[in-house]
PDB file of N, CA and C in Angstrom:
ATOM      1  N   MET A   1       6.588   3.168   9.250  1.00  0.00           N
ATOM      2  CA  MET A   1       7.569   2.643   8.812  1.00  0.00           C
ATOM      3  C   MET A   1       7.292   2.064   7.199  1.00  0.00           C
ATOM      4  N   VAL A   2       7.896   2.514   6.125  1.00  0.00           N
ATOM      5  CA  VAL A   2       7.929   2.523   4.975  1.00  0.00           C
ATOM      6  C   VAL A   2       8.823   1.485   4.384  1.00  0.00           C
ATOM      7  N   PHE A   3       8.542   0.616   3.428  1.00  0.00           N
ATOM      8  CA  PHE A   3       8.943  -0.434   2.802  1.00  0.00           C
ATOM      9  C   PHE A   3       9.109  -0.323   1.839  1.00  0.00           C
ATOM     10  N   PHE A   4      10.218  -0.571   0.172  1.00  0.00           N
ATOM     11  CA  PHE A   4      10.260  -0.151  -0.858  1.00  0.00           C
ATOM     12  C   PHE A   4      10.439  -1.533  -1.146  1.00  0.00           C
ATOM     13  N   ILE A   5       9.419  -1.892  -2.278  1.00  0.00           N
ATOM     14  CA  ILE A   5       9.515  -3.253  -2.348  1.00  0.00           C
ATOM     15  C   ILE A   5       9.588  -3.568  -4.140  1.00  0.00           C
ATOM     16  N   PRO A   6      10.786  -4.423  -4.215  1.00  0.00           N
ATOM     17  CA  PRO A   6      11.275  -4.298  -5.466  1.00  0.00           C
ATOM     18  C   PRO A   6       9.901  -5.291  -6.539  1.00  0.00           C
ATOM     19  N   GLY A   7      10.754  -5.217  -7.433  1.00  0.00           N
ATOM     20  CA  GLY A   7       9.216  -5.704  -8.656  1.00  0.00           C
ATOM     21  C   GLY A   7       9.130  -6.991  -8.635  1.00  0.00           C
ATOM     22  N   PRO A   8       9.610  -7.931  -8.832  1.00  0.00           N
ATOM     23  CA  PRO A   8       9.741  -9.325  -8.616  1.00  0.00           C
ATOM     24  C   PRO A   8       8.843  -9.574  -7.396  1.00  0.00           C
ATOM     25  N   LEU A   9       8.446  -8.624  -6.387  1.00  0.00           N
ATOM     26  CA  LEU A   9       7.783  -8.981  -4.913  1.00  0.00           C
ATOM     27  C   LEU A   9       6.474  -8.363  -4.599  1.00  0.00           C
ATOM     28  N   ARG A  10       6.035  -7.392  -5.448  1.00  0.00           N
ATOM     29  CA  ARG A  10       4.892  -6.954  -5.798  1.00  0.00           C
ATOM     30  C   ARG A  10       3.824  -7.472  -6.058  1.00  0.00           C
ATOM     31  N   GLU A  11       3.782  -8.627  -6.809  1.00  0.00           N
ATOM     32  CA  GLU A  11       2.438  -9.361  -7.283  1.00  0.00           C
ATOM     33  C   GLU A  11       2.079  -9.637  -5.987  1.00  0.00           C
ATOM     34  N   GLN A  12       3.096  -9.575  -4.567  1.00  0.00           N
ATOM     35  CA  GLN A  12       2.426 -10.409  -3.074  1.00  0.00           C
ATOM     36  C   GLN A  12       1.754  -8.586  -2.565  1.00  0.00           C
ATOM     37  N   THR A  13       2.122  -7.670  -3.187  1.00  0.00           N
ATOM     38  CA  THR A  13       1.334  -6.285  -2.576  1.00  0.00           C
ATOM     39  C   THR A  13       0.725  -5.545  -3.389  1.00  0.00           C
ATOM     40  N   GLY A  14       0.112  -6.340  -4.266  1.00  0.00           N
ATOM     41  CA  GLY A  14      -1.056  -5.915  -5.007  1.00  0.00           C
ATOM     42  C   GLY A  14      -0.783  -4.573  -6.202  1.00  0.00           C
ATOM     43  N   GLY A  15       1.163  -4.613  -6.364  1.00  0.00           N
ATOM     44  CA  GLY A  15       1.659  -4.249  -7.410  1.00  0.00           C
ATOM     45  C   GLY A  15       2.218  -2.674  -6.755  1.00  0.00           C
ATOM     46  N   ARG A  16       1.990  -2.375  -5.033  1.00  0.00           N
ATOM     47  CA  ARG A  16       2.197  -1.649  -5.238  1.00  0.00           C
ATOM     48  C   ARG A  16       3.925  -1.592  -4.735  1.00  0.00           C
ATOM     49  N   ALA A  17       4.699  -0.566  -4.711  1.00  0.00           N
ATOM     50  CA  ALA A  17       6.283  -0.367  -4.727  1.00  0.00           C
ATOM     51  C   ALA A  17       6.709   0.145  -3.411  1.00  0.00           C
ATOM     52  N   GLN A  18       5.746   0.654  -2.325  1.00  0.00           N
ATOM     53  CA  GLN A  18       5.878   1.201  -1.779  1.00  0.00           C
ATOM     54  C   GLN A  18       4.945   0.958  -0.267  1.00  0.00           C
ATOM     55  N   VAL A  19       5.137  -0.120   0.821  1.00  0.00           N
ATOM     56  CA  VAL A  19       4.084  -0.347   1.503  1.00  0.00           C
ATOM     57  C   VAL A  19       4.221   0.449   3.240  1.00  0.00           C
ATOM     58  N   ARG A  20       3.328   0.841   3.594  1.00  0.00           N
ATOM     59  CA  ARG A  20       3.649   1.636   5.162  1.00  0.00           C
ATOM     60  C   ARG A  20       2.554   0.955   5.581  1.00  0.00           C
ATOM     61  N   ILE A  21       3.445   0.318   7.002  1.00  0.00           N
ATOM     62  CA  ILE A  21       3.334  -0.367   8.330  1.00  0.00           C
ATOM     63  C   ILE A  21       2.894   0.404   9.007  1.00  0.00           C
ATOM     64  N   ASP A  22       1.758   0.752   9.806  1.00  0.00           N
ATOM     65  CA  ASP A  22       2.129   1.442  11.319  1.00  0.00           C
ATOM     66  C   ASP A  22       1.415   0.624  12.075  1.00  0.00           C
ATOM     67  N   ALA A  23       3.098  -0.235  12.730  1.00  0.00           N
ATOM     68  CA  ALA A  23       3.086  -1.006  13.784  1.00  0.00           C
ATOM     69  C   ALA A  23       3.710  -0.824  15.053  1.00  0.00           C
ATOM     70  N   GLY A  24       4.456  -0.002  14.871  1.00  0.00           N
ATOM     71  CA  GLY A  24       4.945   0.966  16.440  1.00  0.00           C
ATOM     72  C   GLY A  24       5.878   0.116  16.395  1.00  0.00           C
ATOM     73  N   ALA A  25       6.640  -0.902  15.018  1.00  0.00           N
ATOM     74  CA  ALA A  25       7.696  -1.981  15.483  1.00  0.00           C
ATOM     75  C   ALA A  25       8.834  -1.384  16.357  1.00  0.00           C
ATOM     76  N   GLY A  26       9.536  -1.902  17.164  1.00  0.00           N
ATOM     77  CA  GLY A  26      10.411  -1.365  17.368  1.00  0.00           C
ATOM     78  C   GLY A  26      11.731  -2.061  17.202  1.00  0.00           C
ATOM     79  N   THR A  27      11.582  -2.985  16.613  1.00  0.00           N
ATOM     80  CA  THR A  27      12.521  -3.609  15.859  1.00  0.00           C
ATOM     81  C   THR A  27      12.539  -4.083  14.770  1.00  0.00           C
ATOM     82  N   LEU A  28      13.739  -4.742  14.018  1.00  0.00           N
ATOM     83  CA  LEU A  28      13.743  -4.916  12.670  1.00  0.00           C
ATOM     84  C   LEU A  28      12.624  -6.098  12.821  1.00  0.00           C
ATOM     85  N   GLY A  29      12.511  -7.350  13.570  1.00  0.00           N
ATOM     86  CA  GLY A  29      11.920  -8.399  13.429  1.00  0.00           C
ATOM     87  C   GLY A  29      10.509  -8.143  13.746  1.00  0.00           C
ATOM     88  N   GLU A  30      10.169  -7.249  14.597  1.00  0.00           N
ATOM     89  CA  GLU A  30       8.600  -6.728  14.799  1.00  0.00           C
ATOM     90  C   GLU A  30       8.275  -6.461  13.429  1.00  0.00           C
ATOM     91  N   ALA A  31       8.757  -5.346  12.764  1.00  0.00           N
ATOM     92  CA  ALA A  31       8.461  -4.534  11.826  1.00  0.00           C
ATOM     93  C   ALA A  31       8.668  -5.738  10.589  1.00  0.00           C
ATOM     94  N   LEU A  32       8.893  -6.518   9.654  1.00  0.00           N
ATOM     95  CA  LEU A  32       8.947  -7.526   9.086  1.00  0.00           C
ATOM     96  C   LEU A  32       7.386  -8.511   9.647  1.00  0.00           C
ATOM     97  N   ALA A  33       7.704  -8.804  10.875  1.00  0.00           N
ATOM     98  CA  ALA A  33       6.668  -9.368  11.728  1.00  0.00           C
ATOM     99  C   ALA A  33       5.121  -8.958  11.013  1.00  0.00           C
ATOM    100  N   ALA A  34       5.111  -7.687  11.020  1.00  0.00           N
ATOM    101  CA  ALA A  34       3.942  -6.721  10.642  1.00  0.00           C
ATOM    102  C   ALA A  34       3.723  -6.428   9.228  1.00  0.00           C
ATOM    103  N   LEU A  35       4.704  -6.727   8.481  1.00  0.00           N
ATOM    104  CA  LEU A  35       4.917  -6.226   6.980  1.00  0.00           C
ATOM    105  C   LEU A  35       4.185  -8.082   6.536  1.00  0.00           C
ATOM    106  N   TRP A  36       3.998  -9.043   7.246  1.00  0.00           N
ATOM    107  CA  TRP A  36       4.142 -10.171   6.626  1.00  0.00           C
ATOM    108  C   TRP A  36       2.943 -10.386   7.501  1.00  0.00           C
ATOM    109  N   ARG A  37       2.429  -9.718   8.329  1.00  0.00           N
ATOM    110  CA  ARG A  37       1.100 -10.312   8.775  1.00  0.00           C
ATOM    111  C   ARG A  37       0.338  -9.605   7.740  1.00  0.00           C
ATOM    112  N   GLU A  38       0.304  -8.333   7.594  1.00  0.00           N
ATOM    113  CA  GLU A  38      -0.217  -7.583   6.015  1.00  0.00           C
ATOM    114  C   GLU A  38      -0.370  -8.087   4.631  1.00  0.00           C
ATOM    115  N   TYR A  39       0.916  -8.813   4.139  1.00  0.00           N
ATOM    116  CA  TYR A  39       0.899  -9.501   3.141  1.00  0.00           C
ATOM    117  C   TYR A  39       1.654 -10.370   3.485  1.00  0.00           C
ATOM    118  N   PRO A  40       0.808 -11.526   3.625  1.00  0.00           N
ATOM    119  CA  PRO A  40       1.437 -13.028   3.829  1.00  0.00           C
ATOM    120  C   PRO A  40       2.345 -13.756   2.650  1.00  0.00           C
ATOM    121  N   GLY A  41       2.221 -13.447   1.859  1.00  0.00           N
ATOM    122  CA  GLY A  41       2.624 -14.057   0.274  1.00  0.00           C
ATOM    123  C   GLY A  41       4.217 -13.839   0.447  1.00  0.00           C
ATOM    124  N   LEU A  42       4.461 -12.388   0.964  1.00  0.00           N
ATOM    125  CA  LEU A  42       5.812 -11.880   1.032  1.00  0.00           C
ATOM    126  C   LEU A  42       6.919 -12.713   1.907  1.00  0.00           C
ATOM    127  N   ARG A  43       6.242 -13.566   3.150  1.00  0.00           N
ATOM    128  CA  ARG A  43       6.786 -13.864   4.020  1.00  0.00           C
ATOM    129  C   ARG A  43       8.119 -15.549   3.261  1.00  0.00           C
ATOM    130  N   ASP A  44       7.053 -16.234   2.630  1.00  0.00           N
ATOM    131  CA  ASP A  44       8.038 -17.340   2.076  1.00  0.00           C
ATOM    132  C   ASP A  44       9.085 -16.868   0.401  1.00  0.00           C
ATOM    133  N   ARG A  45       8.670 -15.895   0.305  1.00  0.00           N
ATOM    134  CA  ARG A  45       9.929 -15.512  -0.838  1.00  0.00           C
ATOM    135  C   ARG A  45      11.148 -14.500   0.195  1.00  0.00           C
ATOM    136  N   MET A  46      10.729 -14.101   0.590  1.00  0.00           N
ATOM    137  CA  MET A  46      12.115 -13.244   1.933  1.00  0.00           C
ATOM    138  C   MET A  46      12.792 -14.419   3.060  1.00  0.00           C
ATOM    139  N   VAL A  47      12.284 -15.105   3.562  1.00  0.00           N
ATOM    140  CA  VAL A  47      12.776 -16.418   4.489  1.00  0.00           C
ATOM    141  C   VAL A  47      12.587 -17.352   3.947  1.00  0.00           C
ATOM    142  N   ASN A  48      13.622 -18.421   4.202  1.00  0.00           N
ATOM    143  CA  ASN A  48      13.754 -19.647   4.136  1.00  0.00           C
ATOM    144  C   ASN A  48      12.675 -20.637   4.818  1.00  0.00           C
ATOM    145  N   GLU A  49      12.807 -21.850   5.107  1.00  0.00           N
ATOM    146  CA  GLU A  49      11.921 -22.902   6.190  1.00  0.00           C
ATOM    147  C   GLU A  49      12.551 -22.449   6.993  1.00  0.00           C
ATOM    148  N   GLN A  50      13.488 -22.078   7.488  1.00  0.00           N
ATOM    149  CA  GLN A  50      14.527 -22.173   8.797  1.00  0.00           C
ATOM    150  C   GLN A  50      14.417 -20.479   9.537  1.00  0.00           C
ATOM    151  N   GLY A  51      13.574 -19.878   8.689  1.00  0.00           N
ATOM    152  CA  GLY A  51      13.164 -18.596   9.243  1.00  0.00           C
ATOM    153  C   GLY A  51      14.383 -17.362   8.966  1.00  0.00           C
ATOM    154  N   GLU A  52      15.274 -17.949   7.969  1.00  0.00           N
ATOM    155  CA  GLU A  52      16.598 -17.646   7.819  1.00  0.00           C
ATOM    156  C   GLU A  52      16.352 -16.566   6.358  1.00  0.00           C
ATOM    157  N   VAL A  53      16.756 -15.242   6.461  1.00  0.00           N
ATOM    158  CA  VAL A  53      16.517 -14.317   5.151  1.00  0.00           C
ATOM    159  C   VAL A  53      17.016 -14.717   4.102  1.00  0.00           C
ATOM    160  N   ARG A  54      16.437 -15.034   3.169  1.00  0.00           N
ATOM    161  CA  ARG A  54      16.903 -15.393   1.520  1.00  0.00           C
ATOM    162  C   ARG A  54      18.384 -15.041   1.653  1.00  0.00           C
ATOM    163  N   GLN A  55      19.258 -15.568   1.045  1.00  0.00           N
ATOM    164  CA  GLN A  55      20.164 -14.671   0.427  1.00  0.00           C
ATOM    165  C   GLN A  55      20.390 -13.843  -0.736  1.00  0.00           C
ATOM    166  N   HIS A  56      19.135 -13.791  -1.384  1.00  0.00           N
ATOM    167  CA  HIS A  56      19.197 -12.989  -2.989  1.00  0.00           C
ATOM    168  C   HIS A  56      18.267 -11.707  -1.934  1.00  0.00           C
ATOM    169  N   VAL A  57      17.897 -11.327  -0.775  1.00  0.00           N
ATOM    170  CA  VAL A  57      17.106 -10.649   0.090  1.00  0.00           C
ATOM    171  C   VAL A  57      17.752  -9.805   0.557  1.00  0.00           C
ATOM    172  N   ASN A  58      18.188  -8.308   0.624  1.00  0.00           N
ATOM    173  CA  ASN A  58      18.498  -7.522   1.080  1.00  0.00           C
ATOM    174  C   ASN A  58      17.400  -6.169   2.004  1.00  0.00           C
ATOM    175  N   ILE A  59      17.936  -5.677   3.329  1.00  0.00           N
ATOM    176  CA  ILE A  59      17.007  -5.135   4.335  1.00  0.00           C
ATOM    177  C   ILE A  59      17.459  -4.342   4.150  1.00  0.00           C
ATOM    178  N   PHE A  60      17.376  -2.650   3.839  1.00  0.00           N
ATOM    179  CA  PHE A  60      18.066  -1.922   4.551  1.00  0.00           C
ATOM    180  C   PHE A  60      17.594  -0.813   5.440  1.00  0.00           C
ATOM    181  N   ILE A  61      18.043  -0.449   6.509  1.00  0.00           N
ATOM    182  CA  ILE A  61      17.764   0.872   7.540  1.00  0.00           C
ATOM    183  C   ILE A  61      18.610   2.014   6.643  1.00  0.00           C
ATOM    184  N   GLY A  62      17.738   2.800   6.171  1.00  0.00           N
ATOM    185  CA  GLY A  62      18.500   4.014   5.076  1.00  0.00           C
ATOM    186  C   GLY A  62      19.313   3.286   4.686  1.00  0.00           C
ATOM    187  N   ASP A  63      20.594   3.723   4.592  1.00  0.00           N
ATOM    188  CA  ASP A  63      21.724   2.743   3.597  1.00  0.00           C
ATOM    189  C   ASP A  63      22.880   1.876   4.473  1.00  0.00           C
ATOM    190  N   GLU A  64      22.417   1.619   5.243  1.00  0.00           N
ATOM    191  CA  GLU A  64      22.884   0.510   5.999  1.00  0.00           C
ATOM    192  C   GLU A  64      21.948  -0.667   5.436  1.00  0.00           C
ATOM    193  N   ASN A  65      22.937  -1.700   5.058  1.00  0.00           N
ATOM    194  CA  ASN A  65      22.063  -3.739   4.618  1.00  0.00           C
ATOM    195  C   ASN A  65      22.363  -4.203   6.255  1.00  0.00           C
ATOM    196  N   MET A  66      21.060  -4.552   6.759  1.00  0.00           N
ATOM    197  CA  MET A  66      21.169  -5.119   7.633  1.00  0.00           C
ATOM    198  C   MET A  66      22.033  -6.457   8.029  1.00  0.00           C
ATOM    199  N   ARG A  67      22.271  -7.141   6.730  1.00  0.00           N
ATOM    200  CA  ARG A  67      23.330  -8.352   7.026  1.00  0.00           C
ATOM    201  C   ARG A  67      24.514  -7.901   7.238  1.00  0.00           C
ATOM    202  N   ASP A  68      24.787  -6.786   6.044  1.00  0.00           N
ATOM    203  CA  ASP A  68      26.117  -6.338   7.016  1.00  0.00           C
ATOM    204  C   ASP A  68      26.575  -6.095   8.560  1.00  0.00           C
ATOM    205  N   CYS A  69      25.278  -5.686   9.015  1.00  0.00           N
ATOM    206  CA  CYS A  69      25.827  -5.580  10.661  1.00  0.00           C
ATOM    207  C   CYS A  69      24.764  -6.316  11.909  1.00  0.00           C
ATOM    208  N   GLY A  70      24.869  -7.558  11.512  1.00  0.00           N
ATOM    209  CA  GLY A  70      23.669  -9.150  12.039  1.00  0.00           C
ATOM    210  C   GLY A  70      22.806  -8.935  12.235  1.00  0.00           C
ATOM    211  N   GLY A  71      21.672  -7.377  11.686  1.00  0.00           N
ATOM    212  CA  GLY A  71      20.856  -6.489  11.954  1.00  0.00           C
ATOM    213  C   GLY A  71      19.656  -8.171  12.325  1.00  0.00           C
ATOM    214  N   PHE A  72      20.064  -9.379  11.782  1.00  0.00           N
ATOM    215  CA  PHE A  72      18.593 -10.049  11.401  1.00  0.00           C
ATOM    216  C   PHE A  72      18.560 -10.947  12.579  1.00  0.00           C
TER     217      PHE A  72
END
């Protein structure tokens, strides 16, 4: 799975614009957990203290925003 990292978050990925995670994740939650294990600094910038995705963060699978389909 490939994550495209926006400019403001690249500091957490060593400057990488794309991150490949080979975790065999079956769900979005599993994929994000694998991403955060590899790059723990991303988690606090993507989700709040309650574990909810921050308002300014959008996660897409293909062209579909997961916020619009209740995919979180």
